[in-house]
């Protein structure tokens, strides 16, 4: 019995626009404008989430390291989230 190759899967999808009311740090990000030129890492977090708060300094360091290589890190939080 021989294994057949699986058909190729298209994993590329267009991301929805970020609808952010208040940008705390940096300029608004237009995902469509960066298509094919920029890589975006979007981190969704909440103030009540301990691991989320712990990851922020690491993500800040990654942004500094990769900012000149076409990578932008965006942290998104909704101040209305409560636990």
N, C-alpha and C. Protein backbone atom coordinates (compact mmCIF):
# COMPACT_ATOMS: atom_id res chain seq x y z
N UNK A 1 0.84 -1.17 0.00
CA UNK A 1 0.00 0.00 0.00
C UNK A 1 0.89 1.24 0.00
N UNK A 2 0.59 2.18 -0.84
CA UNK A 2 1.38 3.41 -0.90
C UNK A 2 0.55 4.59 -0.40
N UNK A 3 1.26 5.51 0.20
CA UNK A 3 0.57 6.71 0.70
C UNK A 3 0.51 7.74 -0.42
N UNK A 4 -0.61 8.35 -0.56
CA UNK A 4 -0.73 9.39 -1.58
C UNK A 4 -0.52 10.75 -0.92
N UNK A 5 -0.02 11.69 -1.70
CA UNK A 5 0.22 13.03 -1.19
C UNK A 5 -1.11 13.75 -0.99
N UNK A 6 -1.18 14.48 0.09
CA UNK A 6 -2.40 15.26 0.36
C UNK A 6 -2.43 16.45 -0.59
N UNK A 7 -3.60 16.86 -1.00
CA UNK A 7 -3.68 18.03 -1.88
C UNK A 7 -3.20 19.28 -1.14
N UNK A 8 -2.63 20.23 -1.87
CA UNK A 8 -2.15 21.44 -1.20
C UNK A 8 -3.31 22.21 -0.56
N UNK A 9 -3.01 22.83 0.55
CA UNK A 9 -4.00 23.61 1.28
C UNK A 9 -3.58 25.07 1.26
N UNK A 10 -4.49 25.94 0.92
CA UNK A 10 -4.21 27.37 0.92
C UNK A 10 -4.49 27.92 2.31
N UNK A 11 -3.43 28.27 3.06
CA UNK A 11 -3.59 28.78 4.40
C UNK A 11 -3.56 30.31 4.45
N UNK A 12 -3.41 30.94 3.31
CA UNK A 12 -3.32 32.39 3.27
C UNK A 12 -4.73 32.98 3.21
N UNK A 13 -5.02 33.85 4.15
CA UNK A 13 -6.31 34.53 4.17
C UNK A 13 -6.06 36.01 4.45
N UNK A 14 -6.93 36.82 3.96
CA UNK A 14 -6.82 38.25 4.21
C UNK A 14 -7.36 38.53 5.61
N UNK A 15 -6.55 39.21 6.42
CA UNK A 15 -6.98 39.55 7.77
C UNK A 15 -7.97 40.70 7.74
N UNK A 16 -8.90 40.65 8.65
CA UNK A 16 -9.85 41.76 8.79
C UNK A 16 -9.11 42.99 9.31
N UNK A 17 -9.61 44.15 8.97
CA UNK A 17 -9.01 45.39 9.44
C UNK A 17 -9.11 45.48 10.96
N UNK A 18 -8.10 46.05 11.58
CA UNK A 18 -8.14 46.27 13.02
C UNK A 18 -8.98 47.51 13.29
N UNK A 19 -10.02 47.35 14.07
CA UNK A 19 -10.88 48.50 14.42
C UNK A 19 -10.58 48.87 15.87
N UNK A 20 -9.58 49.72 16.03
CA UNK A 20 -9.09 50.12 17.34
C UNK A 20 -9.51 51.56 17.60
N UNK A 21 -10.18 51.80 18.72
CA UNK A 21 -10.65 53.16 19.00
C UNK A 21 -9.55 54.06 19.53
N UNK A 22 -8.67 53.54 20.36
CA UNK A 22 -7.59 54.34 20.94
C UNK A 22 -6.26 53.63 20.79
N UNK A 23 -5.36 54.22 20.01
CA UNK A 23 -4.01 53.68 19.86
C UNK A 23 -3.17 54.32 20.95
N UNK A 24 -2.71 53.54 21.91
CA UNK A 24 -1.97 54.07 23.05
C UNK A 24 -0.52 54.35 22.68
N UNK A 25 0.06 53.50 21.89
CA UNK A 25 1.47 53.60 21.55
C UNK A 25 1.63 53.33 20.06
N UNK A 26 2.34 54.19 19.38
CA UNK A 26 2.56 53.99 17.96
C UNK A 26 1.41 54.51 17.11
N UNK A 27 1.58 54.33 15.82
CA UNK A 27 0.58 54.79 14.85
C UNK A 27 -0.40 53.66 14.54
N UNK A 28 -1.58 54.02 14.06
CA UNK A 28 -2.52 52.97 13.63
C UNK A 28 -1.90 52.07 12.57
N UNK A 29 -2.27 50.81 12.61
CA UNK A 29 -1.73 49.81 11.69
C UNK A 29 -2.79 49.46 10.66
N UNK A 30 -2.41 49.54 9.38
CA UNK A 30 -3.30 49.17 8.28
C UNK A 30 -2.78 47.86 7.70
N UNK A 31 -3.41 46.76 8.08
CA UNK A 31 -2.95 45.44 7.65
C UNK A 31 -2.95 45.30 6.13
N UNK A 32 -3.95 45.85 5.46
CA UNK A 32 -4.03 45.74 4.00
C UNK A 32 -2.88 46.47 3.33
N UNK A 33 -2.48 47.61 3.87
CA UNK A 33 -1.39 48.39 3.27
C UNK A 33 -0.05 47.64 3.39
N UNK A 34 0.08 46.81 4.41
CA UNK A 34 1.34 46.09 4.60
C UNK A 34 1.39 44.73 3.94
N UNK A 35 0.31 44.35 3.27
CA UNK A 35 0.24 43.01 2.65
C UNK A 35 1.41 42.79 1.69
N UNK A 36 2.13 41.71 1.92
CA UNK A 36 3.26 41.35 1.06
C UNK A 36 4.55 42.08 1.41
N UNK A 37 4.48 43.07 2.30
CA UNK A 37 5.67 43.84 2.66
C UNK A 37 6.00 43.74 4.14
N UNK A 38 5.01 43.45 4.94
CA UNK A 38 5.14 43.52 6.38
C UNK A 38 4.55 42.27 7.02
N UNK A 39 5.14 41.85 8.13
CA UNK A 39 4.58 40.76 8.93
C UNK A 39 4.04 41.38 10.20
N UNK A 40 2.82 41.03 10.55
CA UNK A 40 2.19 41.56 11.76
C UNK A 40 1.98 40.43 12.76
N UNK A 41 2.38 40.67 13.99
CA UNK A 41 2.11 39.75 15.09
C UNK A 41 1.10 40.47 15.98
N UNK A 42 -0.11 39.94 16.07
CA UNK A 42 -1.17 40.57 16.84
C UNK A 42 -1.36 39.77 18.13
N UNK A 43 -1.20 40.46 19.25
CA UNK A 43 -1.32 39.84 20.58
C UNK A 43 -2.57 40.40 21.25
N UNK A 44 -3.53 39.54 21.55
CA UNK A 44 -4.73 39.95 22.26
C UNK A 44 -4.52 39.62 23.73
N UNK A 45 -4.70 40.60 24.60
CA UNK A 45 -4.44 40.40 26.02
C UNK A 45 -5.44 41.16 26.87
N UNK A 46 -5.41 40.88 28.16
CA UNK A 46 -6.30 41.56 29.11
C UNK A 46 -5.51 41.89 30.37
N UNK A 47 -5.87 42.97 31.03
CA UNK A 47 -5.14 43.40 32.22
C UNK A 47 -5.26 42.39 33.36
N UNK A 48 -6.35 41.63 33.42
CA UNK A 48 -6.54 40.65 34.48
C UNK A 48 -5.78 39.34 34.24
N UNK A 49 -5.17 39.20 33.06
CA UNK A 49 -4.48 37.96 32.68
C UNK A 49 -3.00 38.06 33.04
N UNK A 50 -2.61 37.33 34.09
CA UNK A 50 -1.21 37.36 34.54
C UNK A 50 -0.22 36.96 33.46
N UNK A 51 -0.41 35.83 32.78
CA UNK A 51 0.52 35.45 31.71
C UNK A 51 0.59 36.50 30.59
N UNK A 52 -0.54 37.15 30.31
CA UNK A 52 -0.54 38.21 29.29
C UNK A 52 0.38 39.34 29.70
N UNK A 53 0.24 39.80 30.94
CA UNK A 53 1.08 40.90 31.44
C UNK A 53 2.54 40.50 31.46
N UNK A 54 2.81 39.25 31.78
CA UNK A 54 4.20 38.76 31.82
C UNK A 54 4.83 38.76 30.44
N UNK A 55 4.03 38.52 29.40
CA UNK A 55 4.58 38.42 28.04
C UNK A 55 4.90 39.78 27.42
N UNK A 56 4.32 40.86 27.93
CA UNK A 56 4.48 42.17 27.30
C UNK A 56 5.94 42.61 27.20
N UNK A 57 6.77 42.51 28.25
CA UNK A 57 8.17 42.93 28.09
C UNK A 57 8.90 42.12 27.01
N UNK A 58 8.60 40.83 26.92
CA UNK A 58 9.23 39.99 25.89
C UNK A 58 8.81 40.45 24.49
N UNK A 59 7.53 40.75 24.31
CA UNK A 59 7.05 41.22 23.01
C UNK A 59 7.66 42.58 22.66
N UNK A 60 7.85 43.43 23.66
CA UNK A 60 8.50 44.72 23.43
C UNK A 60 9.93 44.52 22.93
N UNK A 61 10.65 43.59 23.52
CA UNK A 61 12.02 43.30 23.09
C UNK A 61 12.03 42.72 21.67
N UNK A 62 11.08 41.85 21.37
CA UNK A 62 11.00 41.31 20.00
C UNK A 62 10.71 42.41 18.99
N UNK A 63 9.85 43.37 19.34
CA UNK A 63 9.57 44.49 18.44
C UNK A 63 10.84 45.28 18.16
N UNK A 64 11.61 45.56 19.20
CA UNK A 64 12.87 46.29 19.01
C UNK A 64 13.83 45.51 18.11
N UNK A 65 13.89 44.20 18.31
CA UNK A 65 14.81 43.35 17.56
C UNK A 65 14.43 43.24 16.09
N UNK A 66 13.13 43.18 15.80
CA UNK A 66 12.69 42.91 14.43
C UNK A 66 12.08 44.10 13.69
N UNK A 67 12.05 45.29 14.29
CA UNK A 67 11.39 46.43 13.66
C UNK A 67 11.99 46.78 12.30
N UNK A 68 13.29 46.59 12.14
CA UNK A 68 13.94 46.90 10.87
C UNK A 68 13.92 45.73 9.89
N UNK A 69 13.25 44.66 10.26
CA UNK A 69 13.17 43.47 9.40
C UNK A 69 11.76 43.25 8.88
N UNK A 70 10.91 44.27 8.98
CA UNK A 70 9.56 44.16 8.43
C UNK A 70 8.56 43.45 9.32
N UNK A 71 8.81 43.44 10.64
CA UNK A 71 7.88 42.79 11.56
C UNK A 71 7.35 43.85 12.52
N UNK A 72 6.05 43.89 12.68
CA UNK A 72 5.41 44.81 13.61
C UNK A 72 4.56 44.02 14.60
N UNK A 73 4.76 44.28 15.88
CA UNK A 73 3.98 43.64 16.94
C UNK A 73 2.90 44.62 17.39
N UNK A 74 1.67 44.12 17.49
CA UNK A 74 0.54 44.95 17.91
C UNK A 74 -0.14 44.26 19.08
N UNK A 75 -0.22 44.96 20.21
CA UNK A 75 -0.93 44.45 21.37
C UNK A 75 -2.33 45.05 21.40
N UNK A 76 -3.34 44.21 21.54
CA UNK A 76 -4.72 44.68 21.54
C UNK A 76 -5.39 44.25 22.84
N UNK A 77 -5.97 45.23 23.52
CA UNK A 77 -6.69 44.95 24.75
C UNK A 77 -7.96 45.81 24.76
N UNK A 78 -8.97 45.29 25.39
CA UNK A 78 -10.20 46.05 25.53
C UNK A 78 -10.36 46.39 27.00
N UNK A 79 -10.29 47.66 27.31
CA UNK A 79 -10.34 48.06 28.71
C UNK A 79 -11.67 47.69 29.36
N UNK A 80 -12.65 47.30 28.58
CA UNK A 80 -13.95 46.89 29.12
C UNK A 80 -13.95 45.45 29.60
N UNK A 81 -12.92 44.68 29.21
CA UNK A 81 -12.87 43.28 29.64
C UNK A 81 -12.73 43.22 31.15
N UNK A 82 -13.52 42.42 31.77
CA UNK A 82 -13.38 42.21 33.21
C UNK A 82 -13.47 40.73 33.49
N UNK A 83 -12.99 40.36 34.61
CA UNK A 83 -13.03 38.95 34.97
C UNK A 83 -13.88 38.76 36.18
